[in-house]
Amino acid sequence: MSLRDVEKSVGVSSGHLSLIEGGQVKNPSPTVLHRLATAYRAEPEALLVLAGYLNPASDRARQTAVDNIALASVGGLDEEELARVQTFIKYLRDEKRKKARGPV
């Protein structure tokens, strides 16, 4: 979706959306986040966590919020394709952990 499409869908100006996207607006209002979640078919709670309104119980919960947003951004994929994306992400994380541990 273009910023203009989102603007029409959620009723937030494309200029403000651009500032959010660029990181100049660090904590968009919960109302705006909920509207954006609806437009992008994401979980509102995940956006609220990332904006700092909700504190996840663990780093794992925060990572799950990030994962949910990332997966929502690849809309249009079927279940098999989403599963393949998740498998690839797991592979990347495993490789990162191996590198962090160093040579065996």
N, C-alpha and C. Protein backbone atom coordinates (compact mmCIF):
# COMPACT_ATOMS: atom_id res chain seq x y z
N MET A 1 0.84 -1.18 0.00
CA MET A 1 0.00 0.00 0.00
C MET A 1 0.89 1.24 0.00
N SER A 2 0.49 2.23 -0.77
CA SER A 2 1.21 3.50 -0.74
C SER A 2 0.77 4.30 0.48
N LEU A 3 1.53 5.33 0.83
CA LEU A 3 1.14 6.18 1.95
C LEU A 3 -0.21 6.84 1.69
N ARG A 4 -0.48 7.17 0.44
CA ARG A 4 -1.78 7.77 0.09
C ARG A 4 -2.92 6.78 0.32
N ASP A 5 -2.68 5.51 -0.01
CA ASP A 5 -3.70 4.48 0.22
C ASP A 5 -3.96 4.33 1.72
N VAL A 6 -2.89 4.32 2.50
CA VAL A 6 -3.04 4.19 3.95
C VAL A 6 -3.74 5.42 4.51
N GLU A 7 -3.36 6.59 4.01
CA GLU A 7 -4.00 7.84 4.45
C GLU A 7 -5.52 7.75 4.28
N LYS A 8 -5.95 7.31 3.12
CA LYS A 8 -7.38 7.18 2.86
C LYS A 8 -8.02 6.12 3.76
N SER A 9 -7.30 5.05 4.00
CA SER A 9 -7.84 3.93 4.78
C SER A 9 -7.98 4.25 6.26
N VAL A 10 -6.99 4.96 6.82
CA VAL A 10 -6.98 5.16 8.28
C VAL A 10 -7.30 6.58 8.71
N GLY A 11 -7.32 7.53 7.76
CA GLY A 11 -7.64 8.90 8.13
C GLY A 11 -6.51 9.64 8.82
N VAL A 12 -5.27 9.25 8.52
CA VAL A 12 -4.10 9.93 9.05
C VAL A 12 -3.32 10.46 7.85
N SER A 13 -2.87 11.71 7.93
CA SER A 13 -2.22 12.33 6.77
C SER A 13 -0.97 11.54 6.35
N SER A 14 -0.70 11.57 5.05
CA SER A 14 0.47 10.86 4.54
C SER A 14 1.75 11.48 5.10
N GLY A 15 1.73 12.78 5.38
CA GLY A 15 2.90 13.42 5.98
C GLY A 15 3.21 12.86 7.36
N HIS A 16 2.16 12.69 8.17
CA HIS A 16 2.35 12.12 9.51
C HIS A 16 2.78 10.66 9.41
N LEU A 17 2.19 9.93 8.48
CA LEU A 17 2.58 8.54 8.27
C LEU A 17 4.05 8.44 7.86
N SER A 18 4.49 9.37 7.02
CA SER A 18 5.88 9.39 6.59
C SER A 18 6.81 9.64 7.78
N LEU A 19 6.40 10.53 8.69
CA LEU A 19 7.21 10.79 9.88
C LEU A 19 7.28 9.56 10.78
N ILE A 20 6.16 8.85 10.91
CA ILE A 20 6.15 7.61 11.70
C ILE A 20 7.08 6.59 11.05
N GLU A 21 6.93 6.42 9.75
CA GLU A 21 7.73 5.44 9.01
C GLU A 21 9.23 5.76 9.11
N GLY A 22 9.56 7.04 9.08
CA GLY A 22 10.95 7.46 9.13
C GLY A 22 11.55 7.52 10.52
N GLY A 23 10.72 7.28 11.53
CA GLY A 23 11.22 7.25 12.90
C GLY A 23 11.24 8.60 13.59
N GLN A 24 10.76 9.66 12.93
CA GLN A 24 10.74 10.96 13.57
C GLN A 24 9.64 11.05 14.63
N VAL A 25 8.59 10.28 14.47
CA VAL A 25 7.54 10.17 15.50
C VAL A 25 7.80 8.85 16.21
N LYS A 26 8.29 8.94 17.44
CA LYS A 26 8.70 7.73 18.17
C LYS A 26 7.52 6.98 18.79
N ASN A 27 6.52 7.71 19.25
CA ASN A 27 5.38 7.07 19.91
C ASN A 27 4.06 7.59 19.35
N PRO A 28 3.66 7.08 18.19
CA PRO A 28 2.36 7.48 17.65
C PRO A 28 1.27 7.12 18.66
N SER A 29 0.17 7.82 18.61
CA SER A 29 -0.90 7.56 19.58
C SER A 29 -1.43 6.14 19.42
N PRO A 30 -1.93 5.57 20.52
CA PRO A 30 -2.53 4.23 20.43
C PRO A 30 -3.66 4.17 19.40
N THR A 31 -4.41 5.24 19.25
CA THR A 31 -5.50 5.26 18.26
C THR A 31 -4.94 5.12 16.85
N VAL A 32 -3.89 5.86 16.55
CA VAL A 32 -3.26 5.77 15.24
C VAL A 32 -2.69 4.38 15.03
N LEU A 33 -2.06 3.83 16.05
CA LEU A 33 -1.49 2.49 15.94
C LEU A 33 -2.57 1.44 15.67
N HIS A 34 -3.69 1.59 16.34
CA HIS A 34 -4.78 0.64 16.12
C HIS A 34 -5.30 0.74 14.69
N ARG A 35 -5.44 1.95 14.20
CA ARG A 35 -5.89 2.14 12.81
C ARG A 35 -4.90 1.54 11.82
N LEU A 36 -3.62 1.76 12.09
CA LEU A 36 -2.59 1.21 11.20
C LEU A 36 -2.58 -0.32 11.25
N ALA A 37 -2.76 -0.87 12.43
CA ALA A 37 -2.81 -2.33 12.56
C ALA A 37 -3.95 -2.90 11.72
N THR A 38 -5.09 -2.23 11.78
CA THR A 38 -6.24 -2.68 10.99
C THR A 38 -5.93 -2.62 9.50
N ALA A 39 -5.33 -1.51 9.07
CA ALA A 39 -5.02 -1.34 7.64
C ALA A 39 -4.02 -2.38 7.15
N TYR A 40 -3.04 -2.71 7.99
CA TYR A 40 -2.00 -3.65 7.58
C TYR A 40 -2.27 -5.08 8.00
N ARG A 41 -3.44 -5.30 8.59
CA ARG A 41 -3.84 -6.64 9.06
C ARG A 41 -2.81 -7.20 10.04
N ALA A 42 -2.41 -6.35 10.97
CA ALA A 42 -1.46 -6.74 12.01
C ALA A 42 -2.18 -6.73 13.35
N GLU A 43 -1.55 -7.31 14.35
CA GLU A 43 -2.11 -7.31 15.70
C GLU A 43 -1.85 -5.95 16.35
N PRO A 44 -2.89 -5.25 16.80
CA PRO A 44 -2.68 -3.95 17.45
C PRO A 44 -1.72 -4.03 18.63
N GLU A 45 -1.79 -5.12 19.38
CA GLU A 45 -0.92 -5.28 20.55
C GLU A 45 0.55 -5.26 20.15
N ALA A 46 0.87 -5.84 19.00
CA ALA A 46 2.26 -5.86 18.55
C ALA A 46 2.77 -4.44 18.30
N LEU A 47 1.95 -3.61 17.67
CA LEU A 47 2.35 -2.22 17.45
C LEU A 47 2.46 -1.46 18.76
N LEU A 48 1.57 -1.74 19.68
CA LEU A 48 1.62 -1.06 20.99
C LEU A 48 2.89 -1.45 21.75
N VAL A 49 3.31 -2.69 21.62
CA VAL A 49 4.57 -3.13 22.25
C VAL A 49 5.74 -2.38 21.62
N LEU A 50 5.78 -2.35 20.30
CA LEU A 50 6.91 -1.72 19.62
C LEU A 50 6.98 -0.22 19.88
N ALA A 51 5.84 0.41 20.12
CA ALA A 51 5.81 1.85 20.41
C ALA A 51 6.07 2.14 21.88
N GLY A 52 6.14 1.10 22.69
CA GLY A 52 6.45 1.29 24.10
C GLY A 52 5.25 1.48 25.02
N TYR A 53 4.04 1.30 24.51
CA TYR A 53 2.85 1.44 25.35
C TYR A 53 2.58 0.21 26.20
N LEU A 54 2.97 -0.95 25.70
CA LEU A 54 2.83 -2.19 26.45
C LEU A 54 4.21 -2.77 26.68
N ASN A 55 4.43 -3.25 27.87
CA ASN A 55 5.72 -3.87 28.18
C ASN A 55 5.56 -5.38 28.14
N PRO A 56 6.23 -6.04 27.20
CA PRO A 56 6.13 -7.49 27.14
C PRO A 56 6.80 -8.11 28.37
N ALA A 57 6.35 -9.29 28.71
CA ALA A 57 6.87 -9.99 29.89
C ALA A 57 8.32 -10.42 29.70
N SER A 58 8.76 -10.54 28.46
CA SER A 58 10.12 -11.03 28.20
C SER A 58 10.62 -10.50 26.87
N ASP A 59 11.92 -10.66 26.64
CA ASP A 59 12.49 -10.30 25.35
C ASP A 59 11.87 -11.15 24.25
N ARG A 60 11.53 -12.39 24.61
CA ARG A 60 10.90 -13.31 23.64
C ARG A 60 9.55 -12.76 23.19
N ALA A 61 8.77 -12.20 24.13
CA ALA A 61 7.47 -11.63 23.79
C ALA A 61 7.64 -10.42 22.88
N ARG A 62 8.67 -9.62 23.14
CA ARG A 62 8.94 -8.47 22.28
C ARG A 62 9.32 -8.95 20.88
N GLN A 63 10.15 -9.99 20.81
CA GLN A 63 10.55 -10.51 19.51
C GLN A 63 9.35 -11.07 18.76
N THR A 64 8.43 -11.69 19.48
CA THR A 64 7.21 -12.20 18.85
C THR A 64 6.40 -11.06 18.24
N ALA A 65 6.34 -9.91 18.94
CA ALA A 65 5.64 -8.74 18.41
C ALA A 65 6.29 -8.27 17.11
N VAL A 66 7.61 -8.23 17.11
CA VAL A 66 8.34 -7.83 15.90
C VAL A 66 8.06 -8.82 14.77
N ASP A 67 8.11 -10.10 15.10
CA ASP A 67 7.84 -11.14 14.10
C ASP A 67 6.44 -10.99 13.50
N ASN A 68 5.46 -10.73 14.36
CA ASN A 68 4.08 -10.60 13.89
C ASN A 68 3.94 -9.43 12.93
N ILE A 69 4.59 -8.32 13.24
CA ILE A 69 4.54 -7.17 12.35
C ILE A 69 5.23 -7.49 11.03
N ALA A 70 6.37 -8.12 11.10
CA ALA A 70 7.09 -8.48 9.88
C ALA A 70 6.25 -9.40 8.99
N LEU A 71 5.62 -10.39 9.60
CA LEU A 71 4.80 -11.31 8.81
C LEU A 71 3.56 -10.63 8.24
N ALA A 72 3.00 -9.69 8.99
CA ALA A 72 1.83 -8.96 8.49
C ALA A 72 2.20 -8.13 7.27
N SER A 73 3.46 -7.70 7.21
CA SER A 73 3.89 -6.85 6.10
C SER A 73 4.03 -7.61 4.78
N VAL A 74 4.02 -8.92 4.83
CA VAL A 74 4.15 -9.71 3.61
C VAL A 74 2.80 -10.29 3.22
N GLY A 75 1.78 -9.48 3.34
CA GLY A 75 0.42 -9.91 3.00
C GLY A 75 0.34 -10.47 1.60
N GLY A 76 -0.60 -11.32 1.38
CA GLY A 76 -0.77 -11.92 0.08
C GLY A 76 -0.10 -13.27 -0.07
N LEU A 77 0.65 -13.68 0.93
CA LEU A 77 1.27 -14.99 0.88
C LEU A 77 0.31 -16.03 1.42
N ASP A 78 0.34 -17.22 0.83
CA ASP A 78 -0.51 -18.27 1.36
C ASP A 78 0.17 -18.92 2.56
N GLU A 79 -0.50 -19.87 3.19
CA GLU A 79 0.01 -20.48 4.42
C GLU A 79 1.36 -21.16 4.21
N GLU A 80 1.52 -21.85 3.10
CA GLU A 80 2.78 -22.53 2.82
C GLU A 80 3.91 -21.52 2.65
N GLU A 81 3.65 -20.45 1.95
CA GLU A 81 4.67 -19.42 1.75
C GLU A 81 5.05 -18.75 3.08
N LEU A 82 4.07 -18.47 3.92
CA LEU A 82 4.35 -17.90 5.24
C LEU A 82 5.20 -18.84 6.07
N ALA A 83 4.89 -20.12 6.01
CA ALA A 83 5.68 -21.11 6.75
C ALA A 83 7.12 -21.13 6.26
N ARG A 84 7.32 -20.98 4.96
CA ARG A 84 8.67 -20.95 4.41
C ARG A 84 9.42 -19.70 4.87
N VAL A 85 8.72 -18.57 4.93
CA VAL A 85 9.35 -17.34 5.43
C VAL A 85 9.77 -17.52 6.88
N GLN A 86 8.88 -18.10 7.69
CA GLN A 86 9.21 -18.34 9.09
C GLN A 86 10.40 -19.28 9.24
N THR A 87 10.46 -20.30 8.41
CA THR A 87 11.59 -21.23 8.45
C THR A 87 12.89 -20.52 8.09
N PHE A 88 12.83 -19.65 7.11
CA PHE A 88 14.01 -18.90 6.70
C PHE A 88 14.48 -17.97 7.82
N ILE A 89 13.55 -17.31 8.47
CA ILE A 89 13.90 -16.43 9.59
C ILE A 89 14.56 -17.23 10.70
N LYS A 90 14.01 -18.39 11.01
CA LYS A 90 14.61 -19.26 12.04
C LYS A 90 16.03 -19.64 11.64
N TYR A 91 16.23 -19.97 10.38
CA TYR A 91 17.56 -20.31 9.88
C TYR A 91 18.52 -19.14 10.09
N LEU A 92 18.10 -17.93 9.74
CA LEU A 92 18.96 -16.75 9.90
C LEU A 92 19.33 -16.53 11.36
N ARG A 93 18.36 -16.70 12.25
CA ARG A 93 18.63 -16.53 13.68
C ARG A 93 19.60 -17.59 14.20
N ASP A 94 19.41 -18.82 13.75
CA ASP A 94 20.31 -19.90 14.16
C ASP A 94 21.74 -19.61 13.70
N GLU A 95 21.89 -19.13 12.48
CA GLU A 95 23.21 -18.80 11.96
C GLU A 95 23.84 -17.66 12.76
N LYS A 96 23.03 -16.69 13.14
CA LYS A 96 23.53 -15.57 13.94
C LYS A 96 24.02 -16.06 15.30
N ARG A 97 23.26 -16.96 15.92
CA ARG A 97 23.68 -17.53 17.21
C ARG A 97 24.99 -18.30 17.08
N LYS A 98 25.12 -19.08 16.00
CA LYS A 98 26.34 -19.84 15.79
C LYS A 98 27.54 -18.92 15.66
N LYS A 99 27.39 -17.83 14.92
CA LYS A 99 28.49 -16.88 14.75
C LYS A 99 28.84 -16.21 16.06
N ALA A 100 27.83 -15.92 16.87
CA ALA A 100 28.06 -15.27 18.17
C ALA A 100 28.85 -16.18 19.10
N ARG A 101 28.64 -17.48 19.00
CA ARG A 101 29.35 -18.45 19.84
C ARG A 101 30.79 -18.61 19.42
N GLY A 102 31.06 -18.34 18.16
CA GLY A 102 32.42 -18.49 17.65
C GLY A 102 32.72 -19.90 17.21
N PRO A 103 33.96 -20.12 16.78
CA PRO A 103 34.34 -21.46 16.29
C PRO A 103 34.27 -22.50 17.41
N VAL A 104 33.88 -23.68 16.99
CA VAL A 104 33.76 -24.78 17.95
C VAL A 104 35.01 -25.60 17.98
